[in-house]
């Protein structure tokens, strides 16, 4: 079974998929926060 995990790169692919998925969700969340900052007076810099 472990030979199969390594042959099909299951462990590496899972780690890569997790990292890529988290990064995408992180980037989506950054976009959401930027939209919130631009829509509301949420930060000091936004007051002007």
ModelCIF file with pLDDT and N, C-alpha, C, O atoms, coordinates in Angstrom:
data_MODEL
#
_entry.id   MODEL 
#
_entity.id                         1 
_entity.type                       polymer 
_entity.pdbx_number_of_molecules   1 
#
_entity_poly.entity_id                      1 
_entity_poly.type                           'polypeptide(L)' 
_entity_poly.nstd_linkage                   no 
_entity_poly.nstd_monomer                   no 
_entity_poly.pdbx_seq_one_letter_code       
;(UNK)(UNK)(UNK)(UNK)(UNK)(UNK)(UNK)(UNK)(UNK)(UNK)(UNK)(UNK)(UNK)(UNK)(UNK)(UNK)
(UNK)(UNK)(UNK)(UNK)(UNK)(UNK)(UNK)(UNK)(UNK)(UNK)(UNK)(UNK)(UNK)(UNK)(UNK)(UNK)
(UNK)(UNK)(UNK)(UNK)(UNK)(UNK)(UNK)(UNK)(UNK)(UNK)(UNK)(UNK)(UNK)(UNK)(UNK)(UNK)
;
_entity_poly.pdbx_seq_one_letter_code_can   XXXXXXXXXXXXXXXXXXXXXXXXXXXXXXXXXXXXXXXXXXXXXXXX 
_entity_poly.pdbx_strand_id                 A 
#
loop_
_entity_poly_seq.entity_id 
_entity_poly_seq.num 
_entity_poly_seq.mon_id 
_entity_poly_seq.hetero 
1 1  UNK n 
1 2  UNK n 
1 3  UNK n 
1 4  UNK n 
1 5  UNK n 
1 6  UNK n 
1 7  UNK n 
1 8  UNK n 
1 9  UNK n 
1 10 UNK n 
1 11 UNK n 
1 12 UNK n 
1 13 UNK n 
1 14 UNK n 
1 15 UNK n 
1 16 UNK n 
1 17 UNK n 
1 18 UNK n 
1 19 UNK n 
1 20 UNK n 
1 21 UNK n 
1 22 UNK n 
1 23 UNK n 
1 24 UNK n 
1 25 UNK n 
1 26 UNK n 
1 27 UNK n 
1 28 UNK n 
1 29 UNK n 
1 30 UNK n 
1 31 UNK n 
1 32 UNK n 
1 33 UNK n 
1 34 UNK n 
1 35 UNK n 
1 36 UNK n 
1 37 UNK n 
1 38 UNK n 
1 39 UNK n 
1 40 UNK n 
1 41 UNK n 
1 42 UNK n 
1 43 UNK n 
1 44 UNK n 
1 45 UNK n 
1 46 UNK n 
1 47 UNK n 
1 48 UNK n 
#
_struct_asym.id          A 
_struct_asym.entity_id   1 
#
loop_
_ma_qa_metric.id 
_ma_qa_metric.mode 
_ma_qa_metric.name 
_ma_qa_metric.software_group_id 
_ma_qa_metric.type 
1 global pLDDT . pLDDT 
2 local  pLDDT . pLDDT 
#
_ma_qa_metric_global.metric_id      1 
_ma_qa_metric_global.metric_value   84.71 
_ma_qa_metric_global.model_id       1 
_ma_qa_metric_global.ordinal_id     1 
#
loop_
_ma_qa_metric_local.label_asym_id 
_ma_qa_metric_local.label_comp_id 
_ma_qa_metric_local.label_seq_id 
_ma_qa_metric_local.metric_id 
_ma_qa_metric_local.metric_value 
_ma_qa_metric_local.model_id 
_ma_qa_metric_local.ordinal_id 
A UNK 1  2 93.00 1 1  
A UNK 2  2 92.00 1 2  
A UNK 3  2 91.00 1 3  
A UNK 4  2 90.00 1 4  
A UNK 5  2 89.00 1 5  
A UNK 6  2 88.00 1 6  
A UNK 7  2 86.00 1 7  
A UNK 8  2 83.00 1 8  
A UNK 9  2 84.00 1 9  
A UNK 10 2 82.00 1 10 
A UNK 11 2 79.00 1 11 
A UNK 12 2 82.00 1 12 
A UNK 13 2 85.00 1 13 
A UNK 14 2 84.00 1 14 
A UNK 15 2 87.00 1 15 
A UNK 16 2 91.00 1 16 
A UNK 17 2 92.00 1 17 
A UNK 18 2 93.00 1 18 
A UNK 19 2 94.00 1 19 
A UNK 20 2 96.00 1 20 
A UNK 21 2 97.00 1 21 
A UNK 22 2 97.00 1 22 
A UNK 23 2 97.00 1 23 
A UNK 24 2 97.00 1 24 
A UNK 25 2 98.00 1 25 
A UNK 26 2 98.00 1 26 
A UNK 27 2 98.00 1 27 
A UNK 28 2 97.00 1 28 
A UNK 29 2 97.00 1 29 
A UNK 30 2 97.00 1 30 
A UNK 31 2 97.00 1 31 
A UNK 32 2 96.00 1 32 
A UNK 33 2 96.00 1 33 
A UNK 34 2 95.00 1 34 
A UNK 35 2 93.00 1 35 
A UNK 36 2 93.00 1 36 
A UNK 37 2 92.00 1 37 
A UNK 38 2 90.00 1 38 
A UNK 39 2 86.00 1 39 
A UNK 40 2 77.00 1 40 
A UNK 41 2 62.00 1 41 
A UNK 42 2 54.00 1 42 
A UNK 43 2 53.00 1 43 
A UNK 44 2 51.00 1 44 
A UNK 45 2 47.00 1 45 
A UNK 46 2 48.00 1 46 
A UNK 47 2 50.00 1 47 
A UNK 48 2 52.00 1 48 
#
loop_
_atom_site.group_PDB 
_atom_site.id 
_atom_site.type_symbol 
_atom_site.label_atom_id 
_atom_site.label_alt_id 
_atom_site.label_comp_id 
_atom_site.label_asym_id 
_atom_site.label_entity_id 
_atom_site.label_seq_id 
_atom_site.pdbx_PDB_ins_code 
_atom_site.Cartn_x 
_atom_site.Cartn_y 
_atom_site.Cartn_z 
_atom_site.occupancy 
_atom_site.B_iso_or_equiv 
_atom_site.pdbx_formal_charge 
_atom_site.auth_seq_id 
_atom_site.auth_comp_id 
_atom_site.auth_asym_id 
_atom_site.auth_atom_id 
_atom_site.pdbx_PDB_model_num 
ATOM 1   N N  . UNK A 1 1  ? 0.834   -1.204 0.000  1.00 93.00 ? 1  UNK A N  1 
ATOM 2   C CA . UNK A 1 1  ? 0.000   0.000  0.000  1.00 93.00 ? 1  UNK A CA 1 
ATOM 3   C C  . UNK A 1 1  ? 0.872   1.258  0.000  1.00 93.00 ? 1  UNK A C  1 
ATOM 4   O O  . UNK A 1 1  ? 0.568   2.219  -0.706 1.00 93.00 ? 1  UNK A O  1 
ATOM 5   N N  . UNK A 1 2  ? 1.946   1.260  0.781  1.00 92.00 ? 2  UNK A N  1 
ATOM 6   C CA . UNK A 1 2  ? 2.835   2.417  0.836  1.00 92.00 ? 2  UNK A CA 1 
ATOM 7   C C  . UNK A 1 2  ? 3.553   2.600  -0.500 1.00 92.00 ? 2  UNK A C  1 
ATOM 8   O O  . UNK A 1 2  ? 3.777   3.729  -0.935 1.00 92.00 ? 2  UNK A O  1 
ATOM 9   N N  . UNK A 1 3  ? 3.917   1.478  -1.160 1.00 91.00 ? 3  UNK A N  1 
ATOM 10  C CA . UNK A 1 3  ? 4.502   1.587  -2.496 1.00 91.00 ? 3  UNK A CA 1 
ATOM 11  C C  . UNK A 1 3  ? 3.555   2.334  -3.429 1.00 91.00 ? 3  UNK A C  1 
ATOM 12  O O  . UNK A 1 3  ? 3.980   3.164  -4.233 1.00 91.00 ? 3  UNK A O  1 
ATOM 13  N N  . UNK A 1 4  ? 2.265   2.026  -3.310 1.00 90.00 ? 4  UNK A N  1 
ATOM 14  C CA . UNK A 1 4  ? 1.267   2.713  -4.131 1.00 90.00 ? 4  UNK A CA 1 
ATOM 15  C C  . UNK A 1 4  ? 1.156   4.189  -3.785 1.00 90.00 ? 4  UNK A C  1 
ATOM 16  O O  . UNK A 1 4  ? 1.035   5.036  -4.670 1.00 90.00 ? 4  UNK A O  1 
ATOM 17  N N  . UNK A 1 5  ? 1.198   4.493  -2.481 1.00 89.00 ? 5  UNK A N  1 
ATOM 18  C CA . UNK A 1 5  ? 1.148   5.898  -2.061 1.00 89.00 ? 5  UNK A CA 1 
ATOM 19  C C  . UNK A 1 5  ? 2.289   6.684  -2.706 1.00 89.00 ? 5  UNK A C  1 
ATOM 20  O O  . UNK A 1 5  ? 2.112   7.820  -3.146 1.00 89.00 ? 5  UNK A O  1 
ATOM 21  N N  . UNK A 1 6  ? 3.456   6.054  -2.750 1.00 88.00 ? 6  UNK A N  1 
ATOM 22  C CA . UNK A 1 6  ? 4.623   6.740  -3.311 1.00 88.00 ? 6  UNK A CA 1 
ATOM 23  C C  . UNK A 1 6  ? 4.601   6.743  -4.831 1.00 88.00 ? 6  UNK A C  1 
ATOM 24  O O  . UNK A 1 6  ? 4.981   7.737  -5.450 1.00 88.00 ? 6  UNK A O  1 
ATOM 25  N N  . UNK A 1 7  ? 4.160   5.644  -5.444 1.00 86.00 ? 7  UNK A N  1 
ATOM 26  C CA . UNK A 1 7  ? 4.100   5.572  -6.900 1.00 86.00 ? 7  UNK A CA 1 
ATOM 27  C C  . UNK A 1 7  ? 3.148   6.620  -7.457 1.00 86.00 ? 7  UNK A C  1 
ATOM 28  O O  . UNK A 1 7  ? 3.450   7.292  -8.443 1.00 86.00 ? 7  UNK A O  1 
ATOM 29  N N  . UNK A 1 8  ? 2.009   6.746  -6.820 1.00 83.00 ? 8  UNK A N  1 
ATOM 30  C CA . UNK A 1 8  ? 1.001   7.696  -7.298 1.00 83.00 ? 8  UNK A CA 1 
ATOM 31  C C  . UNK A 1 8  ? 1.137   9.074  -6.637 1.00 83.00 ? 8  UNK A C  1 
ATOM 32  O O  . UNK A 1 8  ? 0.267   9.932  -6.780 1.00 83.00 ? 8  UNK A O  1 
ATOM 33  N N  . UNK A 1 9  ? 2.239   9.266  -5.915 1.00 84.00 ? 9  UNK A N  1 
ATOM 34  C CA . UNK A 1 9  ? 2.528   10.551 -5.278 1.00 84.00 ? 9  UNK A CA 1 
ATOM 35  C C  . UNK A 1 9  ? 1.380   11.047 -4.404 1.00 84.00 ? 9  UNK A C  1 
ATOM 36  O O  . UNK A 1 9  ? 1.112   12.247 -4.350 1.00 84.00 ? 9  UNK A O  1 
ATOM 37  N N  . UNK A 1 10 ? 0.709   10.133 -3.726 1.00 82.00 ? 10 UNK A N  1 
ATOM 38  C CA . UNK A 1 10 ? -0.464  10.495 -2.935 1.00 82.00 ? 10 UNK A CA 1 
ATOM 39  C C  . UNK A 1 10 ? -0.100  11.462 -1.812 1.00 82.00 ? 10 UNK A C  1 
ATOM 40  O O  . UNK A 1 10 ? -0.787  12.461 -1.597 1.00 82.00 ? 10 UNK A O  1 
ATOM 41  N N  . UNK A 1 11 ? 0.988   11.160 -1.095 1.00 79.00 ? 11 UNK A N  1 
ATOM 42  C CA . UNK A 1 11 ? 1.380   11.996 0.043  1.00 79.00 ? 11 UNK A CA 1 
ATOM 43  C C  . UNK A 1 11 ? 1.809   13.388 -0.422 1.00 79.00 ? 11 UNK A C  1 
ATOM 44  O O  . UNK A 1 11 ? 1.385   14.402 0.133  1.00 79.00 ? 11 UNK A O  1 
ATOM 45  N N  . UNK A 1 12 ? 2.659   13.416 -1.452 1.00 82.00 ? 12 UNK A N  1 
ATOM 46  C CA . UNK A 1 12 ? 3.137   14.705 -1.960 1.00 82.00 ? 12 UNK A CA 1 
ATOM 47  C C  . UNK A 1 12 ? 1.990   15.502 -2.566 1.00 82.00 ? 12 UNK A C  1 
ATOM 48  O O  . UNK A 1 12 ? 1.899   16.716 -2.380 1.00 82.00 ? 12 UNK A O  1 
ATOM 49  N N  . UNK A 1 13 ? 1.112   14.807 -3.298 1.00 85.00 ? 13 UNK A N  1 
ATOM 50  C CA . UNK A 1 13 ? 0.000   15.501 -3.937 1.00 85.00 ? 13 UNK A CA 1 
ATOM 51  C C  . UNK A 1 13 ? -0.964  16.075 -2.904 1.00 85.00 ? 13 UNK A C  1 
ATOM 52  O O  . UNK A 1 13 ? -1.491  17.173 -3.081 1.00 85.00 ? 13 UNK A O  1 
ATOM 53  N N  . UNK A 1 14 ? -1.193  15.324 -1.819 1.00 84.00 ? 14 UNK A N  1 
ATOM 54  C CA . UNK A 1 14 ? -2.088  15.835 -0.779 1.00 84.00 ? 14 UNK A CA 1 
ATOM 55  C C  . UNK A 1 14 ? -1.493  17.077 -0.142 1.00 84.00 ? 14 UNK A C  1 
ATOM 56  O O  . UNK A 1 14 ? -2.192  18.069 0.067  1.00 84.00 ? 14 UNK A O  1 
ATOM 57  N N  . UNK A 1 15 ? -0.209  17.026 0.165  1.00 87.00 ? 15 UNK A N  1 
ATOM 58  C CA . UNK A 1 15 ? 0.450   18.174 0.775  1.00 87.00 ? 15 UNK A CA 1 
ATOM 59  C C  . UNK A 1 15 ? 0.401   19.386 -0.157 1.00 87.00 ? 15 UNK A C  1 
ATOM 60  O O  . UNK A 1 15 ? 0.144   20.510 0.274  1.00 87.00 ? 15 UNK A O  1 
ATOM 61  N N  . UNK A 1 16 ? 0.653   19.134 -1.435 1.00 91.00 ? 16 UNK A N  1 
ATOM 62  C CA . UNK A 1 16 ? 0.619   20.208 -2.431 1.00 91.00 ? 16 UNK A CA 1 
ATOM 63  C C  . UNK A 1 16 ? -0.792  20.766 -2.577 1.00 91.00 ? 16 UNK A C  1 
ATOM 64  O O  . UNK A 1 16 ? -0.984  21.981 -2.641 1.00 91.00 ? 16 UNK A O  1 
ATOM 65  N N  . UNK A 1 17 ? -1.779  19.871 -2.627 1.00 92.00 ? 17 UNK A N  1 
ATOM 66  C CA . UNK A 1 17 ? -3.171  20.311 -2.771 1.00 92.00 ? 17 UNK A CA 1 
ATOM 67  C C  . UNK A 1 17 ? -3.613  21.141 -1.576 1.00 92.00 ? 17 UNK A C  1 
ATOM 68  O O  . UNK A 1 17 ? -4.279  22.165 -1.733 1.00 92.00 ? 17 UNK A O  1 
ATOM 69  N N  . UNK A 1 18 ? -3.237  20.693 -0.374 1.00 93.00 ? 18 UNK A N  1 
ATOM 70  C CA . UNK A 1 18 ? -3.592  21.432 0.835  1.00 93.00 ? 18 UNK A CA 1 
ATOM 71  C C  . UNK A 1 18 ? -2.986  22.829 0.806  1.00 93.00 ? 18 UNK A C  1 
ATOM 72  O O  . UNK A 1 18 ? -3.666  23.812 1.101  1.00 93.00 ? 18 UNK A O  1 
ATOM 73  N N  . UNK A 1 19 ? -1.717  22.915 0.452  1.00 94.00 ? 19 UNK A N  1 
ATOM 74  C CA . UNK A 1 19 ? -1.039  24.213 0.423  1.00 94.00 ? 19 UNK A CA 1 
ATOM 75  C C  . UNK A 1 19 ? -1.672  25.136 -0.615 1.00 94.00 ? 19 UNK A C  1 
ATOM 76  O O  . UNK A 1 19 ? -1.904  26.316 -0.349 1.00 94.00 ? 19 UNK A O  1 
ATOM 77  N N  . UNK A 1 20 ? -1.948  24.590 -1.797 1.00 96.00 ? 20 UNK A N  1 
ATOM 78  C CA . UNK A 1 20 ? -2.538  25.397 -2.862 1.00 96.00 ? 20 UNK A CA 1 
ATOM 79  C C  . UNK A 1 20 ? -3.961  25.830 -2.505 1.00 96.00 ? 20 UNK A C  1 
ATOM 80  O O  . UNK A 1 20 ? -4.361  26.961 -2.781 1.00 96.00 ? 20 UNK A O  1 
ATOM 81  N N  . UNK A 1 21 ? -4.716  24.925 -1.894 1.00 97.00 ? 21 UNK A N  1 
ATOM 82  C CA . UNK A 1 21 ? -6.095  25.253 -1.525 1.00 97.00 ? 21 UNK A CA 1 
ATOM 83  C C  . UNK A 1 21 ? -6.124  26.334 -0.455 1.00 97.00 ? 21 UNK A C  1 
ATOM 84  O O  . UNK A 1 21 ? -6.915  27.275 -0.529 1.00 97.00 ? 21 UNK A O  1 
ATOM 85  N N  . UNK A 1 22 ? -5.258  26.192 0.535  1.00 97.00 ? 22 UNK A N  1 
ATOM 86  C CA . UNK A 1 22 ? -5.204  27.210 1.586  1.00 97.00 ? 22 UNK A CA 1 
ATOM 87  C C  . UNK A 1 22 ? -4.788  28.563 1.003  1.00 97.00 ? 22 UNK A C  1 
ATOM 88  O O  . UNK A 1 22 ? -5.366  29.595 1.346  1.00 97.00 ? 22 UNK A O  1 
ATOM 89  N N  . UNK A 1 23 ? -3.792  28.555 0.130  1.00 97.00 ? 23 UNK A N  1 
ATOM 90  C CA . UNK A 1 23 ? -3.323  29.817 -0.468 1.00 97.00 ? 23 UNK A CA 1 
ATOM 91  C C  . UNK A 1 23 ? -4.433  30.484 -1.280 1.00 97.00 ? 23 UNK A C  1 
ATOM 92  O O  . UNK A 1 23 ? -4.586  31.705 -1.236 1.00 97.00 ? 23 UNK A O  1 
ATOM 93  N N  . UNK A 1 24 ? -5.199  29.696 -2.013 1.00 97.00 ? 24 UNK A N  1 
ATOM 94  C CA . UNK A 1 24 ? -6.299  30.276 -2.791 1.00 97.00 ? 24 UNK A CA 1 
ATOM 95  C C  . UNK A 1 24 ? -7.352  30.889 -1.867 1.00 97.00 ? 24 UNK A C  1 
ATOM 96  O O  . UNK A 1 24 ? -7.819  32.003 -2.103 1.00 97.00 ? 24 UNK A O  1 
ATOM 97  N N  . UNK A 1 25 ? -7.725  30.152 -0.809 1.00 98.00 ? 25 UNK A N  1 
ATOM 98  C CA . UNK A 1 25 ? -8.704  30.676 0.133  1.00 98.00 ? 25 UNK A CA 1 
ATOM 99  C C  . UNK A 1 25 ? -8.158  31.897 0.863  1.00 98.00 ? 25 UNK A C  1 
ATOM 100 O O  . UNK A 1 25 ? -8.904  32.829 1.162  1.00 98.00 ? 25 UNK A O  1 
ATOM 101 N N  . UNK A 1 26 ? -6.874  31.893 1.147  1.00 98.00 ? 26 UNK A N  1 
ATOM 102 C CA . UNK A 1 26 ? -6.239  33.051 1.781  1.00 98.00 ? 26 UNK A CA 1 
ATOM 103 C C  . UNK A 1 26 ? -6.321  34.267 0.857  1.00 98.00 ? 26 UNK A C  1 
ATOM 104 O O  . UNK A 1 26 ? -6.662  35.368 1.289  1.00 98.00 ? 26 UNK A O  1 
ATOM 105 N N  . UNK A 1 27 ? -6.001  34.049 -0.426 1.00 98.00 ? 27 UNK A N  1 
ATOM 106 C CA . UNK A 1 27 ? -6.072  35.156 -1.388 1.00 98.00 ? 27 UNK A CA 1 
ATOM 107 C C  . UNK A 1 27 ? -7.509  35.646 -1.558 1.00 98.00 ? 27 UNK A C  1 
ATOM 108 O O  . UNK A 1 27 ? -7.743  36.851 -1.654 1.00 98.00 ? 27 UNK A O  1 
ATOM 109 N N  . UNK A 1 28 ? -8.471  34.724 -1.595 1.00 97.00 ? 28 UNK A N  1 
ATOM 110 C CA . UNK A 1 28 ? -9.881  35.121 -1.678 1.00 97.00 ? 28 UNK A CA 1 
ATOM 111 C C  . UNK A 1 28 ? -10.271 35.947 -0.452 1.00 97.00 ? 28 UNK A C  1 
ATOM 112 O O  . UNK A 1 28 ? -11.000 36.933 -0.560 1.00 97.00 ? 28 UNK A O  1 
ATOM 113 N N  . UNK A 1 29 ? -9.773  35.530 0.716  1.00 97.00 ? 29 UNK A N  1 
ATOM 114 C CA . UNK A 1 29 ? -10.077 36.246 1.955  1.00 97.00 ? 29 UNK A CA 1 
ATOM 115 C C  . UNK A 1 29 ? -9.443  37.631 1.963  1.00 97.00 ? 29 UNK A C  1 
ATOM 116 O O  . UNK A 1 29 ? -10.032 38.581 2.478  1.00 97.00 ? 29 UNK A O  1 
ATOM 117 N N  . UNK A 1 30 ? -8.262  37.748 1.401  1.00 97.00 ? 30 UNK A N  1 
ATOM 118 C CA . UNK A 1 30 ? -7.607  39.060 1.296  1.00 97.00 ? 30 UNK A CA 1 
ATOM 119 C C  . UNK A 1 30 ? -8.440  39.999 0.416  1.00 97.00 ? 30 UNK A C  1 
ATOM 120 O O  . UNK A 1 30 ? -8.578  41.187 0.709  1.00 97.00 ? 30 UNK A O  1 
ATOM 121 N N  . UNK A 1 31 ? -8.984  39.446 -0.656 1.00 97.00 ? 31 UNK A N  1 
ATOM 122 C CA . UNK A 1 31 ? -9.830  40.253 -1.539 1.00 97.00 ? 31 UNK A CA 1 
ATOM 123 C C  . UNK A 1 31 ? -11.090 40.705 -0.814 1.00 97.00 ? 31 UNK A C  1 
ATOM 124 O O  . UNK A 1 31 ? -11.530 41.845 -0.966 1.00 97.00 ? 31 UNK A O  1 
ATOM 125 N N  . UNK A 1 32 ? -11.675 39.791 -0.015 1.00 96.00 ? 32 UNK A N  1 
ATOM 126 C CA . UNK A 1 32 ? -12.870 40.122 0.751  1.00 96.00 ? 32 UNK A CA 1 
ATOM 127 C C  . UNK A 1 32 ? -12.578 41.241 1.746  1.00 96.00 ? 32 UNK A C  1 
ATOM 128 O O  . UNK A 1 32 ? -13.366 42.177 1.880  1.00 96.00 ? 32 UNK A O  1 
ATOM 129 N N  . UNK A 1 33 ? -11.440 41.145 2.446  1.00 96.00 ? 33 UNK A N  1 
ATOM 130 C CA . UNK A 1 33 ? -11.075 42.171 3.427  1.00 96.00 ? 33 UNK A CA 1 
ATOM 131 C C  . UNK A 1 33 ? -10.845 43.513 2.740  1.00 96.00 ? 33 UNK A C  1 
ATOM 132 O O  . UNK A 1 33 ? -11.271 44.551 3.247  1.00 96.00 ? 33 UNK A O  1 
ATOM 133 N N  . UNK A 1 34 ? -10.173 43.497 1.584  1.00 95.00 ? 34 UNK A N  1 
ATOM 134 C CA . UNK A 1 34 ? -9.937  44.746 0.850  1.00 95.00 ? 34 UNK A CA 1 
ATOM 135 C C  . UNK A 1 34 ? -11.259 45.397 0.477  1.00 95.00 ? 34 UNK A C  1 
ATOM 136 O O  . UNK A 1 34 ? -11.407 46.613 0.592  1.00 95.00 ? 34 UNK A O  1 
ATOM 137 N N  . UNK A 1 35 ? -12.219 44.597 0.031  1.00 93.00 ? 35 UNK A N  1 
ATOM 138 C CA . UNK A 1 35 ? -13.538 45.132 -0.317 1.00 93.00 ? 35 UNK A CA 1 
ATOM 139 C C  . UNK A 1 35 ? -14.222 45.737 0.902  1.00 93.00 ? 35 UNK A C  1 
ATOM 140 O O  . UNK A 1 35 ? -14.862 46.784 0.809  1.00 93.00 ? 35 UNK A O  1 
ATOM 141 N N  . UNK A 1 36 ? -14.082 45.066 2.053  1.00 93.00 ? 36 UNK A N  1 
ATOM 142 C CA . UNK A 1 36 ? -14.674 45.590 3.294  1.00 93.00 ? 36 UNK A CA 1 
ATOM 143 C C  . UNK A 1 36 ? -14.016 46.911 3.675  1.00 93.00 ? 36 UNK A C  1 
ATOM 144 O O  . UNK A 1 36 ? -14.703 47.857 4.060  1.00 93.00 ? 36 UNK A O  1 
ATOM 145 N N  . UNK A 1 37 ? -12.698 46.982 3.571  1.00 92.00 ? 37 UNK A N  1 
ATOM 146 C CA . UNK A 1 37 ? -11.981 48.215 3.897  1.00 92.00 ? 37 UNK A CA 1 
ATOM 147 C C  . UNK A 1 37 ? -12.410 49.362 2.986  1.00 92.00 ? 37 UNK A C  1 
ATOM 148 O O  . UNK A 1 37 ? -12.547 50.502 3.429  1.00 92.00 ? 37 UNK A O  1 
ATOM 149 N N  . UNK A 1 38 ? -12.619 49.044 1.709  1.00 90.00 ? 38 UNK A N  1 
ATOM 150 C CA . UNK A 1 38 ? -13.001 50.078 0.756  1.00 90.00 ? 38 UNK A CA 1 
ATOM 151 C C  . UNK A 1 38 ? -14.460 50.514 0.913  1.00 90.00 ? 38 UNK A C  1 
ATOM 152 O O  . UNK A 1 38 ? -14.829 51.630 0.546  1.00 90.00 ? 38 UNK A O  1 
ATOM 153 N N  . UNK A 1 39 ? -15.275 49.621 1.459  1.00 86.00 ? 39 UNK A N  1 
ATOM 154 C CA . UNK A 1 39 ? -16.704 49.919 1.589  1.00 86.00 ? 39 UNK A CA 1 
ATOM 155 C C  . UNK A 1 39 ? -17.024 50.644 2.881  1.00 86.00 ? 39 UNK A C  1 
ATOM 156 O O  . UNK A 1 39 ? -17.936 51.470 2.924  1.00 86.00 ? 39 UNK A O  1 
ATOM 157 N N  . UNK A 1 40 ? -16.277 50.340 3.937  1.00 77.00 ? 40 UNK A N  1 
ATOM 158 C CA . UNK A 1 40 ? -16.563 50.916 5.247  1.00 77.00 ? 40 UNK A CA 1 
ATOM 159 C C  . UNK A 1 40 ? -15.343 51.661 5.786  1.00 77.00 ? 40 UNK A C  1 
ATOM 160 O O  . UNK A 1 40 ? -14.214 51.394 5.373  1.00 77.00 ? 40 UNK A O  1 
ATOM 161 N N  . UNK A 1 41 ? -15.574 52.593 6.710  1.00 62.00 ? 41 UNK A N  1 
ATOM 162 C CA . UNK A 1 41 ? -14.486 53.300 7.388  1.00 62.00 ? 41 UNK A CA 1 
ATOM 163 C C  . UNK A 1 41 ? -13.913 52.394 8.473  1.00 62.00 ? 41 UNK A C  1 
ATOM 164 O O  . UNK A 1 41 ? -14.121 52.608 9.668  1.00 62.00 ? 41 UNK A O  1 
ATOM 165 N N  . UNK A 1 42 ? -13.180 51.365 8.015  1.00 54.00 ? 42 UNK A N  1 
ATOM 166 C CA . UNK A 1 42 ? -12.749 50.328 8.939  1.00 54.00 ? 42 UNK A CA 1 
ATOM 167 C C  . UNK A 1 42 ? -11.364 50.579 9.502  1.00 54.00 ? 42 UNK A C  1 
ATOM 168 O O  . UNK A 1 42 ? -11.000 50.020 10.537 1.00 54.00 ? 42 UNK A O  1 
ATOM 169 N N  . UNK A 1 43 ? -10.589 51.420 8.826  1.00 53.00 ? 43 UNK A N  1 
ATOM 170 C CA . UNK A 1 43 ? -9.229  51.669 9.277  1.00 53.00 ? 43 UNK A CA 1 
ATOM 171 C C  . UNK A 1 43 ? -8.949  53.163 9.302  1.00 53.00 ? 43 UNK A C  1 
ATOM 172 O O  . UNK A 1 43 ? -9.668  53.946 8.683  1.00 53.00 ? 43 UNK A O  1 
ATOM 173 N N  . UNK A 1 44 ? -7.919  53.548 10.008 1.00 51.00 ? 44 UNK A N  1 
ATOM 174 C CA . UNK A 1 44 ? -7.560  54.960 10.109 1.00 51.00 ? 44 UNK A CA 1 
ATOM 175 C C  . UNK A 1 44 ? -7.225  55.548 8.747  1.00 51.00 ? 44 UNK A C  1 
ATOM 176 O O  . UNK A 1 44 ? -7.585  56.687 8.447  1.00 51.00 ? 44 UNK A O  1 
ATOM 177 N N  . UNK A 1 45 ? -6.541  54.772 7.933  1.00 47.00 ? 45 UNK A N  1 
ATOM 178 C CA . UNK A 1 45 ? -6.116  55.288 6.628  1.00 47.00 ? 45 UNK A CA 1 
ATOM 179 C C  . UNK A 1 45 ? -7.314  55.559 5.713  1.00 47.00 ? 45 UNK A C  1 
ATOM 180 O O  . UNK A 1 45 ? -7.217  56.339 4.765  1.00 47.00 ? 45 UNK A O  1 
ATOM 181 N N  . UNK A 1 46 ? -8.421  54.918 6.001  1.00 48.00 ? 46 UNK A N  1 
ATOM 182 C CA . UNK A 1 46 ? -9.589  55.041 5.147  1.00 48.00 ? 46 UNK A CA 1 
ATOM 183 C C  . UNK A 1 46 ? -10.397 56.312 5.449  1.00 48.00 ? 46 UNK A C  1 
ATOM 184 O O  . UNK A 1 46 ? -11.320 56.643 4.705  1.00 48.00 ? 46 UNK A O  1 
ATOM 185 N N  . UNK A 1 47 ? -10.063 57.016 6.520  1.00 50.00 ? 47 UNK A N  1 
ATOM 186 C CA . UNK A 1 47 ? -10.882 58.150 6.928  1.00 50.00 ? 47 UNK A CA 1 
ATOM 187 C C  . UNK A 1 47 ? -10.889 59.279 5.909  1.00 50.00 ? 47 UNK A C  1 
ATOM 188 O O  . UNK A 1 47 ? -11.880 59.997 5.776  1.00 50.00 ? 47 UNK A O  1 
ATOM 189 N N  . UNK A 1 48 ? -9.772  59.436 5.182  1.00 52.00 ? 48 UNK A N  1 
ATOM 190 C CA . UNK A 1 48 ? -9.752  60.513 4.202  1.00 52.00 ? 48 UNK A CA 1 
ATOM 191 C C  . UNK A 1 48 ? -10.260 60.061 2.836  1.00 52.00 ? 48 UNK A C  1 
ATOM 192 O O  . UNK A 1 48 ? -10.304 60.858 1.899  1.00 52.00 ? 48 UNK A O  1 
#
